[in-house]
C-alpha atoms as a PDB file:
ATOM      1  CA  UNK A   1      17.787  15.599  10.221  1.00  0.00           C
ATOM      2  CA  UNK A   2      19.225  14.057   7.038  1.00  0.00           C
ATOM      3  CA  UNK A   3      18.654  10.534   8.382  1.00  0.00           C
ATOM      4  CA  UNK A   4      15.066  11.445   9.265  1.00  0.00           C
ATOM      5  CA  UNK A   5      14.435  12.738   5.740  1.00  0.00           C
ATOM      6  CA  UNK A   6      15.519   9.395   4.274  1.00  0.00           C
ATOM      7  CA  UNK A   7      13.768   7.316   6.938  1.00  0.00           C
ATOM      8  CA  UNK A   8      11.646   5.737   4.194  1.00  0.00           C
ATOM      9  CA  UNK A   9      14.786   4.008   2.900  1.00  0.00           C
ATOM     10  CA  UNK A  10      15.812   2.664   6.309  1.00  0.00           C
ATOM     11  CA  UNK A  11      12.574   1.578   8.029  1.00  0.00           C
ATOM     12  CA  UNK A  12      11.861  -2.171   7.473  1.00  0.00           C
ATOM     13  CA  UNK A  13       8.162  -1.480   8.109  1.00  0.00           C
ATOM     14  CA  UNK A  14       8.029   0.579   4.904  1.00  0.00           C
ATOM     15  CA  UNK A  15       7.921  -0.797   1.362  1.00  0.00           C
ATOM     16  CA  UNK A  16      10.629   1.644   0.251  1.00  0.00           C
ATOM     17  CA  UNK A  17      13.304   0.120   2.525  1.00  0.00           C
ATOM     18  CA  UNK A  18      16.442  -0.461   0.439  1.00  0.00           C
ATOM     19  CA  UNK A  19      16.352  -4.187   1.253  1.00  0.00           C
ATOM     20  CA  UNK A  20      12.965  -4.543  -0.450  1.00  0.00           C
ATOM     21  CA  UNK A  21      14.322  -2.731  -3.500  1.00  0.00           C
ATOM     22  CA  UNK A  22      17.044  -5.367  -3.729  1.00  0.00           C
ATOM     23  CA  UNK A  23      14.603  -8.248  -3.228  1.00  0.00           C
ATOM     24  CA  UNK A  24      12.320  -6.804  -5.929  1.00  0.00           C
ATOM     25  CA  UNK A  25      15.296  -6.575  -8.274  1.00  0.00           C
ATOM     26  CA  UNK A  26      16.020 -10.240  -7.582  1.00  0.00           C
ATOM     27  CA  UNK A  27      12.386 -11.127  -8.346  1.00  0.00           C
ATOM     28  CA  UNK A  28      12.641  -9.145 -11.605  1.00  0.00           C
ATOM     29  CA  UNK A  29      15.834 -11.003 -12.549  1.00  0.00           C
ATOM     30  CA  UNK A  30      14.206 -14.384 -11.926  1.00  0.00           C
ATOM     31  CA  UNK A  31      11.112 -13.280 -13.872  1.00  0.00           C
ATOM     32  CA  UNK A  32      13.242 -12.148 -16.833  1.00  0.00           C
ATOM     33  CA  UNK A  33      15.422 -15.275 -16.764  1.00  0.00           C
ATOM     34  CA  UNK A  34      12.294 -17.421 -17.133  1.00  0.00           C
ATOM     35  CA  UNK A  35      11.928 -16.151 -20.700  1.00  0.00           C
ATOM     36  CA  UNK A  36      15.123 -14.222 -21.321  1.00  0.00           C
ATOM     37  CA  UNK A  37      14.835 -13.459 -25.037  1.00  0.00           C
ATOM     38  CA  UNK A  38      11.365 -11.925 -24.607  1.00  0.00           C
ATOM     39  CA  UNK A  39      11.969 -10.135 -21.304  1.00  0.00           C
ATOM     40  CA  UNK A  40      15.578  -8.939 -21.262  1.00  0.00           C
ATOM     41  CA  UNK A  41      14.457  -5.579 -22.689  1.00  0.00           C
ATOM     42  CA  UNK A  42      12.591  -4.829 -19.455  1.00  0.00           C
ATOM     43  CA  UNK A  43      15.815  -5.155 -17.460  1.00  0.00           C
ATOM     44  CA  UNK A  44      17.711  -3.001 -19.948  1.00  0.00           C
ATOM     45  CA  UNK A  45      15.101  -0.285 -19.466  1.00  0.00           C
ATOM     46  CA  UNK A  46      15.311  -0.682 -15.679  1.00  0.00           C
ATOM     47  CA  UNK A  47      19.069  -0.006 -15.795  1.00  0.00           C
ATOM     48  CA  UNK A  48      18.860   2.868 -18.282  1.00  0.00           C
ATOM     49  CA  UNK A  49      19.519   6.507 -17.387  1.00  0.00           C
ATOM     50  CA  UNK A  50      16.288   7.729 -18.993  1.00  0.00           C
ATOM     51  CA  UNK A  51      14.221   5.514 -16.711  1.00  0.00           C
ATOM     52  CA  UNK A  52      15.561   7.159 -13.555  1.00  0.00           C
ATOM     53  CA  UNK A  53      16.432  10.654 -14.800  1.00  0.00           C
ATOM     54  CA  UNK A  54      13.215  12.258 -16.015  1.00  0.00           C
ATOM     55  CA  UNK A  55      10.653  14.825 -14.895  1.00  0.00           C
ATOM     56  CA  UNK A  56       8.238  12.289 -13.433  1.00  0.00           C
ATOM     57  CA  UNK A  57      10.827  10.552 -11.249  1.00  0.00           C
ATOM     58  CA  UNK A  58      12.239  13.914 -10.126  1.00  0.00           C
ATOM     59  CA  UNK A  59       8.744  14.841  -8.947  1.00  0.00           C
ATOM     60  CA  UNK A  60       8.522  11.504  -7.088  1.00  0.00           C
ATOM     61  CA  UNK A  61      11.703  12.319  -5.169  1.00  0.00           C
ATOM     62  CA  UNK A  62      10.669  15.914  -4.437  1.00  0.00           C
ATOM     63  CA  UNK A  63       7.366  14.721  -2.976  1.00  0.00           C
ATOM     64  CA  UNK A  64       8.979  11.895  -0.991  1.00  0.00           C
ATOM     65  CA  UNK A  65      11.452  14.261   0.662  1.00  0.00           C
ATOM     66  CA  UNK A  66       8.993  17.158   0.878  1.00  0.00           C
ATOM     67  CA  UNK A  67       6.277  15.177   2.646  1.00  0.00           C
ATOM     68  CA  UNK A  68       8.778  13.652   5.042  1.00  0.00           C
ATOM     69  CA  UNK A  69      10.287  17.068   5.806  1.00  0.00           C
ATOM     70  CA  UNK A  70       6.833  18.569   6.345  1.00  0.00           C
ATOM     71  CA  UNK A  71       5.908  15.828   8.818  1.00  0.00           C
ATOM     72  CA  UNK A  72       9.162  16.388  10.717  1.00  0.00           C
ATOM     73  CA  UNK A  73       8.579  20.150  10.917  1.00  0.00           C
ATOM     74  CA  UNK A  74       4.953  19.796  12.004  1.00  0.00           C
ATOM     75  CA  UNK A  75       5.884  17.141  14.556  1.00  0.00           C
ATOM     76  CA  UNK A  76       2.500  15.425  14.317  1.00  0.00           C
ATOM     77  CA  UNK A  77       2.342  12.914  17.229  1.00  0.00           C
ATOM     78  CA  UNK A  78       0.923   9.942  15.298  1.00  0.00           C
ATOM     79  CA  UNK A  79       1.777   7.538  18.123  1.00  0.00           C
ATOM     80  CA  UNK A  80      -0.223   9.610  20.624  1.00  0.00           C
ATOM     81  CA  UNK A  81      -3.147   9.709  18.189  1.00  0.00           C
ATOM     82  CA  UNK A  82      -3.036   5.903  17.902  1.00  0.00           C
ATOM     83  CA  UNK A  83      -2.943   5.588  21.702  1.00  0.00           C
ATOM     84  CA  UNK A  84      -5.900   7.936  22.084  1.00  0.00           C
ATOM     85  CA  UNK A  85      -7.910   5.903  19.560  1.00  0.00           C
ATOM     86  CA  UNK A  86      -6.963   2.693  21.414  1.00  0.00           C
ATOM     87  CA  UNK A  87      -8.230   4.110  24.717  1.00  0.00           C
ATOM     88  CA  UNK A  88     -11.429   5.400  23.094  1.00  0.00           C
ATOM     89  CA  UNK A  89     -12.001   1.985  21.515  1.00  0.00           C
ATOM     90  CA  UNK A  90     -11.509   0.280  24.883  1.00  0.00           C
ATOM     91  CA  UNK A  91     -14.002   2.667  26.529  1.00  0.00           C
ATOM     92  CA  UNK A  92     -16.485   2.038  23.726  1.00  0.00           C
ATOM     93  CA  UNK A  93     -16.318  -1.736  24.159  1.00  0.00           C
ATOM     94  CA  UNK A  94     -16.739  -1.368  27.931  1.00  0.00           C
ATOM     95  CA  UNK A  95     -20.025   0.468  27.375  1.00  0.00           C
ATOM     96  CA  UNK A  96     -21.334  -2.730  25.780  1.00  0.00           C
ATOM     97  CA  UNK A  97     -20.351  -4.965  28.686  1.00  0.00           C
ATOM     98  CA  UNK A  98     -17.364  -6.928  29.860  1.00  0.00           C
ATOM     99  CA  UNK A  99     -15.467 -10.104  29.004  1.00  0.00           C
ATOM    100  CA  UNK A 100     -14.949 -12.473  31.923  1.00  0.00           C
ATOM    101  CA  UNK A 101     -12.045 -14.330  30.343  1.00  0.00           C
ATOM    102  CA  UNK A 102      -9.931 -14.063  27.216  1.00  0.00           C
ATOM    103  CA  UNK A 103     -11.699 -15.342  24.103  1.00  0.00           C
ATOM    104  CA  UNK A 104      -8.460 -16.818  22.744  1.00  0.00           C
ATOM    105  CA  UNK A 105      -5.480 -18.121  24.680  1.00  0.00           C
ATOM    106  CA  UNK A 106      -2.148 -19.731  24.011  1.00  0.00           C
ATOM    107  CA  UNK A 107      -0.209 -19.588  20.743  1.00  0.00           C
ATOM    108  CA  UNK A 108      -3.358 -18.781  18.763  1.00  0.00           C
ATOM    109  CA  UNK A 109      -3.422 -15.260  20.189  1.00  0.00           C
ATOM    110  CA  UNK A 110      -0.574 -13.930  18.060  1.00  0.00           C
ATOM    111  CA  UNK A 111      -1.791 -15.739  14.934  1.00  0.00           C
ATOM    112  CA  UNK A 112      -5.363 -14.433  15.246  1.00  0.00           C
ATOM    113  CA  UNK A 113      -4.266 -10.914  16.135  1.00  0.00           C
ATOM    114  CA  UNK A 114      -1.852 -10.785  13.185  1.00  0.00           C
ATOM    115  CA  UNK A 115      -4.641 -11.916  10.843  1.00  0.00           C
ATOM    116  CA  UNK A 116      -7.102  -9.430  12.357  1.00  0.00           C
ATOM    117  CA  UNK A 117      -4.720  -6.476  11.918  1.00  0.00           C
ATOM    118  CA  UNK A 118      -3.809  -7.575   8.394  1.00  0.00           C
ATOM    119  CA  UNK A 119      -7.424  -7.869   7.218  1.00  0.00           C
ATOM    120  CA  UNK A 120      -8.508  -4.574   8.764  1.00  0.00           C
ATOM    121  CA  UNK A 121      -5.449  -2.781   7.409  1.00  0.00           C
ATOM    122  CA  UNK A 122      -5.950  -4.194   3.914  1.00  0.00           C
ATOM    123  CA  UNK A 123      -9.682  -3.476   3.633  1.00  0.00           C
ATOM    124  CA  UNK A 124      -9.202   0.057   5.003  1.00  0.00           C
ATOM    125  CA  UNK A 125      -6.530   0.756   2.373  1.00  0.00           C
ATOM    126  CA  UNK A 126      -8.910  -0.479  -0.315  1.00  0.00           C
ATOM    127  CA  UNK A 127     -11.752   1.643   1.039  1.00  0.00           C
ATOM    128  CA  UNK A 128      -9.756   4.859   1.291  1.00  0.00           C
ATOM    129  CA  UNK A 129      -8.184   4.311  -2.121  1.00  0.00           C
ATOM    130  CA  UNK A 130     -11.569   3.767  -3.728  1.00  0.00           C
ATOM    131  CA  UNK A 131     -13.179   6.884  -2.248  1.00  0.00           C
ATOM    132  CA  UNK A 132     -10.134   8.901  -3.395  1.00  0.00           C
ATOM    133  CA  UNK A 133     -11.231   8.013  -6.925  1.00  0.00           C
ATOM    134  CA  UNK A 134     -14.963   8.532  -6.353  1.00  0.00           C
ATOM    135  CA  UNK A 135     -15.306  12.081  -5.011  1.00  0.00           C
ATOM    136  CA  UNK A 136     -14.080  15.088  -6.978  1.00  0.00           C
ATOM    137  CA  UNK A 137     -12.182  16.861  -4.193  1.00  0.00           C
ATOM    138  CA  UNK A 138     -10.471  13.651  -3.072  1.00  0.00           C
ATOM    139  CA  UNK A 139      -9.650  12.796  -6.679  1.00  0.00           C
ATOM    140  CA  UNK A 140      -7.951  16.178  -7.135  1.00  0.00           C
ATOM    141  CA  UNK A 141      -5.751  15.202  -4.207  1.00  0.00           C
ATOM    142  CA  UNK A 142      -5.095  11.669  -5.459  1.00  0.00           C
ATOM    143  CA  UNK A 143      -4.580  12.554  -9.137  1.00  0.00           C
ATOM    144  CA  UNK A 144      -1.038  13.635  -8.293  1.00  0.00           C
ATOM    145  CA  UNK A 145      -0.142  10.009  -7.668  1.00  0.00           C
ATOM    146  CA  UNK A 146      -1.666   8.961 -11.001  1.00  0.00           C
ATOM    147  CA  UNK A 147       0.074  11.689 -13.004  1.00  0.00           C
ATOM    148  CA  UNK A 148       3.376   9.773 -13.005  1.00  0.00           C
ATOM    149  CA  UNK A 149       4.478   9.061 -16.563  1.00  0.00           C
ATOM    150  CA  UNK A 150       7.212   6.705 -15.315  1.00  0.00           C
ATOM    151  CA  UNK A 151       6.621   4.204 -12.516  1.00  0.00           C
ATOM    152  CA  UNK A 152       9.517   3.605 -10.119  1.00  0.00           C
ATOM    153  CA  UNK A 153       9.559   2.316  -6.522  1.00  0.00           C
ATOM    154  CA  UNK A 154       9.678   5.949  -5.367  1.00  0.00           C
ATOM    155  CA  UNK A 155       6.285   6.545  -7.026  1.00  0.00           C
ATOM    156  CA  UNK A 156       4.625   4.888  -4.023  1.00  0.00           C
ATOM    157  CA  UNK A 157       5.598   8.089  -2.139  1.00  0.00           C
ATOM    158  CA  UNK A 158       4.293  10.360  -4.908  1.00  0.00           C
ATOM    159  CA  UNK A 159       1.468  11.702  -2.742  1.00  0.00           C
ATOM    160  CA  UNK A 160      -0.116  15.061  -2.125  1.00  0.00           C
ATOM    161  CA  UNK A 161       0.636  16.131   1.489  1.00  0.00           C
ATOM    162  CA  UNK A 162      -3.095  15.929   2.270  1.00  0.00           C
ATOM    163  CA  UNK A 163      -3.211  12.327   1.047  1.00  0.00           C
ATOM    164  CA  UNK A 164      -0.191  11.478   3.194  1.00  0.00           C
ATOM    165  CA  UNK A 165      -2.065  12.821   6.223  1.00  0.00           C
ATOM    166  CA  UNK A 166      -5.205  10.862   5.308  1.00  0.00           C
ATOM    167  CA  UNK A 167      -3.264   7.604   5.108  1.00  0.00           C
ATOM    168  CA  UNK A 168      -1.507   8.324   8.396  1.00  0.00           C
ATOM    169  CA  UNK A 169      -4.893   8.898  10.056  1.00  0.00           C
ATOM    170  CA  UNK A 170      -6.159   5.653   8.489  1.00  0.00           C
ATOM    171  CA  UNK A 171      -3.196   3.780   9.969  1.00  0.00           C
ATOM    172  CA  UNK A 172      -3.741   5.283  13.411  1.00  0.00           C
ATOM    173  CA  UNK A 173      -7.444   4.383  13.321  1.00  0.00           C
ATOM    174  CA  UNK A 174      -6.737   0.773  12.327  1.00  0.00           C
ATOM    175  CA  UNK A 175      -3.942   0.108  14.793  1.00  0.00           C
ATOM    176  CA  UNK A 176      -5.618   2.057  17.581  1.00  0.00           C
ATOM    177  CA  UNK A 177      -8.852   0.099  17.116  1.00  0.00           C
ATOM    178  CA  UNK A 178      -6.959  -3.209  17.051  1.00  0.00           C
ATOM    179  CA  UNK A 179      -4.995  -2.346  20.192  1.00  0.00           C
ATOM    180  CA  UNK A 180      -8.098  -1.239  22.123  1.00  0.00           C
ATOM    181  CA  UNK A 181     -10.023  -4.327  21.036  1.00  0.00           C
ATOM    182  CA  UNK A 182      -7.090  -6.502  22.117  1.00  0.00           C
ATOM    183  CA  UNK A 183      -7.148  -5.031  25.630  1.00  0.00           C
ATOM    184  CA  UNK A 184     -10.889  -5.599  25.919  1.00  0.00           C
ATOM    185  CA  UNK A 185     -11.208  -9.121  24.522  1.00  0.00           C
ATOM    186  CA  UNK A 186      -7.846 -10.549  25.628  1.00  0.00           C
ATOM    187  CA  UNK A 187      -7.027  -8.517  28.716  1.00  0.00           C
ATOM    188  CA  UNK A 188      -3.660  -7.364  27.336  1.00  0.00           C
ATOM    189  CA  UNK A 189      -2.064  -5.773  24.287  1.00  0.00           C
ATOM    190  CA  UNK A 190      -1.402  -8.531  21.779  1.00  0.00           C
ATOM    191  CA  UNK A 191       1.329  -8.136  19.186  1.00  0.00           C
ATOM    192  CA  UNK A 192       1.563  -9.259  15.584  1.00  0.00           C
ATOM    193  CA  UNK A 193       4.261 -11.669  14.484  1.00  0.00           C
ATOM    194  CA  UNK A 194       7.263  -9.462  13.907  1.00  0.00           C
ATOM    195  CA  UNK A 195      10.499  -9.851  11.970  1.00  0.00           C
ATOM    196  CA  UNK A 196      13.178  -7.107  12.051  1.00  0.00           C
ATOM    197  CA  UNK A 197      10.777  -4.836  13.923  1.00  0.00           C
ATOM    198  CA  UNK A 198       7.951  -5.082  11.371  1.00  0.00           C
ATOM    199  CA  UNK A 199       4.865  -7.243  11.034  1.00  0.00           C
ATOM    200  CA  UNK A 200       5.616 -10.610   9.436  1.00  0.00           C
ATOM    201  CA  UNK A 201       2.987 -10.160   6.713  1.00  0.00           C
ATOM    202  CA  UNK A 202       4.451  -6.749   5.815  1.00  0.00           C
ATOM    203  CA  UNK A 203       7.905  -8.311   5.507  1.00  0.00           C
ATOM    204  CA  UNK A 204       6.627 -11.168   3.334  1.00  0.00           C
ATOM    205  CA  UNK A 205       4.590  -8.849   1.089  1.00  0.00           C
ATOM    206  CA  UNK A 206       7.510  -6.486   0.551  1.00  0.00           C
ATOM    207  CA  UNK A 207      10.189  -9.124   0.029  1.00  0.00           C
ATOM    208  CA  UNK A 208       8.164 -10.870  -2.687  1.00  0.00           C
ATOM    209  CA  UNK A 209       8.406  -7.987  -5.147  1.00  0.00           C
ATOM    210  CA  UNK A 210       6.022  -5.336  -3.792  1.00  0.00           C
ATOM    211  CA  UNK A 211       8.170  -2.577  -5.302  1.00  0.00           C
ATOM    212  CA  UNK A 212       7.521  -3.950  -8.776  1.00  0.00           C
ATOM    213  CA  UNK A 213       3.983  -2.545  -8.457  1.00  0.00           C
ATOM    214  CA  UNK A 214       5.410   0.832  -9.331  1.00  0.00           C
ATOM    215  CA  UNK A 215       7.662  -0.251 -12.163  1.00  0.00           C
ATOM    216  CA  UNK A 216       7.405  -1.270 -15.816  1.00  0.00           C
ATOM    217  CA  UNK A 217       8.012  -4.962 -14.993  1.00  0.00           C
ATOM    218  CA  UNK A 218       4.637  -6.667 -15.782  1.00  0.00           C
ATOM    219  CA  UNK A 219       5.016  -9.350 -13.114  1.00  0.00           C
ATOM    220  CA  UNK A 220       1.731 -11.264 -13.002  1.00  0.00           C
ATOM    221  CA  UNK A 221       0.640 -13.881 -10.455  1.00  0.00           C
ATOM    222  CA  UNK A 222      -1.352 -15.760 -13.085  1.00  0.00           C
ATOM    223  CA  UNK A 223      -4.306 -17.586 -11.555  1.00  0.00           C
ATOM    224  CA  UNK A 224      -3.320 -16.345  -8.092  1.00  0.00           C
ATOM    225  CA  UNK A 225      -4.492 -12.885  -9.147  1.00  0.00           C
ATOM    226  CA  UNK A 226      -7.960 -14.063  -8.210  1.00  0.00           C
ATOM    227  CA  UNK A 227      -6.707 -13.978  -4.602  1.00  0.00           C
ATOM    228  CA  UNK A 228      -3.809 -11.500  -4.537  1.00  0.00           C
ATOM    229  CA  UNK A 229      -3.213  -8.188  -6.318  1.00  0.00           C
ATOM    230  CA  UNK A 230      -0.104  -8.583  -8.473  1.00  0.00           C
ATOM    231  CA  UNK A 231       2.337  -5.869  -9.610  1.00  0.00           C
ATOM    232  CA  UNK A 232       0.877  -6.153 -13.129  1.00  0.00           C
ATOM    233  CA  UNK A 233      -2.621  -5.492 -11.772  1.00  0.00           C
ATOM    234  CA  UNK A 234      -1.511  -2.372  -9.926  1.00  0.00           C
ATOM    235  CA  UNK A 235       0.291  -1.131 -13.031  1.00  0.00           C
ATOM    236  CA  UNK A 236      -3.004  -1.527 -14.900  1.00  0.00           C
ATOM    237  CA  UNK A 237      -4.606   0.608 -12.181  1.00  0.00           C
ATOM    238  CA  UNK A 238      -2.213   3.401 -13.203  1.00  0.00           C
ATOM    239  CA  UNK A 239      -3.391   3.209 -16.808  1.00  0.00           C
ATOM    240  CA  UNK A 240      -5.199   6.281 -18.130  1.00  0.00           C
ATOM    241  CA  UNK A 241      -8.256   4.242 -19.142  1.00  0.00           C
ATOM    242  CA  UNK A 242      -8.029   1.469 -16.554  1.00  0.00           C
ATOM    243  CA  UNK A 243      -7.583   3.335 -13.266  1.00  0.00           C
ATOM    244  CA  UNK A 244     -11.056   2.424 -11.999  1.00  0.00           C
ATOM    245  CA  UNK A 245      -9.880  -1.124 -11.377  1.00  0.00           C
ATOM    246  CA  UNK A 246      -7.680  -2.910  -8.828  1.00  0.00           C
ATOM    247  CA  UNK A 247      -7.870  -0.534  -5.874  1.00  0.00           C
ATOM    248  CA  UNK A 248      -6.663  -3.241  -3.478  1.00  0.00           C
ATOM    249  CA  UNK A 249      -3.227  -3.502  -1.886  1.00  0.00           C
ATOM    250  CA  UNK A 250      -2.777  -7.193  -1.088  1.00  0.00           C
ATOM    251  CA  UNK A 251      -6.006  -9.193  -1.252  1.00  0.00           C
ATOM    252  CA  UNK A 252      -8.121  -9.253  -4.413  1.00  0.00           C
ATOM    253  CA  UNK A 253     -11.323 -10.122  -2.533  1.00  0.00           C
ATOM    254  CA  UNK A 254     -12.233  -6.461  -1.932  1.00  0.00           C
ATOM    255  CA  UNK A 255     -12.054  -5.673  -5.661  1.00  0.00           C
ATOM    256  CA  UNK A 256     -14.018  -8.831  -6.368  1.00  0.00           C
ATOM    257  CA  UNK A 257     -16.774  -7.764  -3.980  1.00  0.00           C
ATOM    258  CA  UNK A 258     -16.687  -4.196  -5.299  1.00  0.00           C
ATOM    259  CA  UNK A 259     -16.775  -5.279  -8.954  1.00  0.00           C
ATOM    260  CA  UNK A 260     -13.490  -3.494  -9.675  1.00  0.00           C
ATOM    261  CA  UNK A 261     -11.201  -6.492 -10.245  1.00  0.00           C
ATOM    262  CA  UNK A 262      -9.223  -6.661 -13.491  1.00  0.00           C
ATOM    263  CA  UNK A 263      -6.582  -9.090 -14.754  1.00  0.00           C
ATOM    264  CA  UNK A 264      -2.995  -7.883 -14.895  1.00  0.00           C
ATOM    265  CA  UNK A 265      -2.511  -9.498 -18.300  1.00  0.00           C
ATOM    266  CA  UNK A 266      -4.526  -6.831 -20.118  1.00  0.00           C
ATOM    267  CA  UNK A 267      -2.706  -3.804 -21.509  1.00  0.00           C
ATOM    268  CA  UNK A 268      -2.624  -0.261 -20.106  1.00  0.00           C
ATOM    269  CA  UNK A 269      -1.226   3.157 -20.988  1.00  0.00           C
ATOM    270  CA  UNK A 270       0.436   5.588 -18.583  1.00  0.00           C
ATOM    271  CA  UNK A 271       0.044   9.384 -18.940  1.00  0.00           C
ATOM    272  CA  UNK A 272       2.182  10.696 -21.795  1.00  0.00           C
ATOM    273  CA  UNK A 273       4.000  13.222 -19.613  1.00  0.00           C
ATOM    274  CA  UNK A 274       4.085  14.443 -16.032  1.00  0.00           C
ATOM    275  CA  UNK A 275       2.089  17.619 -15.382  1.00  0.00           C
ATOM    276  CA  UNK A 276       3.486  20.713 -13.557  1.00  0.00           C
ATOM    277  CA  UNK A 277       3.862  19.888  -9.870  1.00  0.00           C
ATOM    278  CA  UNK A 278       2.656  23.225  -8.457  1.00  0.00           C
ATOM    279  CA  UNK A 279      -0.568  22.997 -10.473  1.00  0.00           C
ATOM    280  CA  UNK A 280      -1.297  19.599  -8.968  1.00  0.00           C
ATOM    281  CA  UNK A 281      -0.419  20.644  -5.412  1.00  0.00           C
ATOM    282  CA  UNK A 282      -2.970  23.463  -5.782  1.00  0.00           C
ATOM    283  CA  UNK A 283      -5.580  20.808  -6.654  1.00  0.00           C
ATOM    284  CA  UNK A 284      -6.119  21.962 -10.220  1.00  0.00           C
ATOM    285  CA  UNK A 285      -7.804  19.320 -12.362  1.00  0.00           C
ATOM    286  CA  UNK A 286      -5.346  17.933 -14.905  1.00  0.00           C
ATOM    287  CA  UNK A 287      -6.136  16.150 -18.176  1.00  0.00           C
ATOM    288  CA  UNK A 288      -5.085  12.524 -18.517  1.00  0.00           C
ATOM    289  CA  UNK A 289      -4.115  11.452 -22.014  1.00  0.00           C
END
């Protein structure tokens, strides 16, 4: 039971795996060393007691453990849901006709399937995130994530239980659709490139400082921000007056197309203090200032 509660620290498919925390710390050290006199203060803050021991971070941990415990108690069969979606997708394609032979063969199968899953996963995250900001009821659910007054790697799990369910359903839809499409067009279930039991692109994304997105380290990709969402850009998304920008997870193209892209070099301001947790769980509108 205890191990299941802290599964988010042990699963290499999740950003919060302890190994990715260490790799993000290494990225932060390299970033600070590049201009030590100007940036050493960021590392001092990172290692300070006040950064980790405050109301906002305590709420992060409560929600991380609470959501995980709730999922364990409910026993929601996410894998069965994904399988059901895969079979429904396969049946849907069959209504349109049949494929006489695989469209792609050889070593290109894994490469194309990995790219297909990555793109669909990334654009679906962008889409769900954006609608969570657009509609009042969904925003009342999502505002809990934005109420953090201190960003730490645990803040990525600072989600209302309803939002956690919505993202789980999104994941099942994406992977179920990809699996069903694979059976139809290739004749078998293709697999993504995997390392340590997780998709290769997930590993690469997480190792290269993904946990800095929820931190105070303003790590920017510079000109690459036109292509990839940097930690600094996501931090700007958490700003009180800049949260209608940078909804994307990995690729910046979706924000470009949706006219919501913003540079990570511009300033932002987090909420002054974390609001009462119960009030937010009950979907009460909270003021951001």
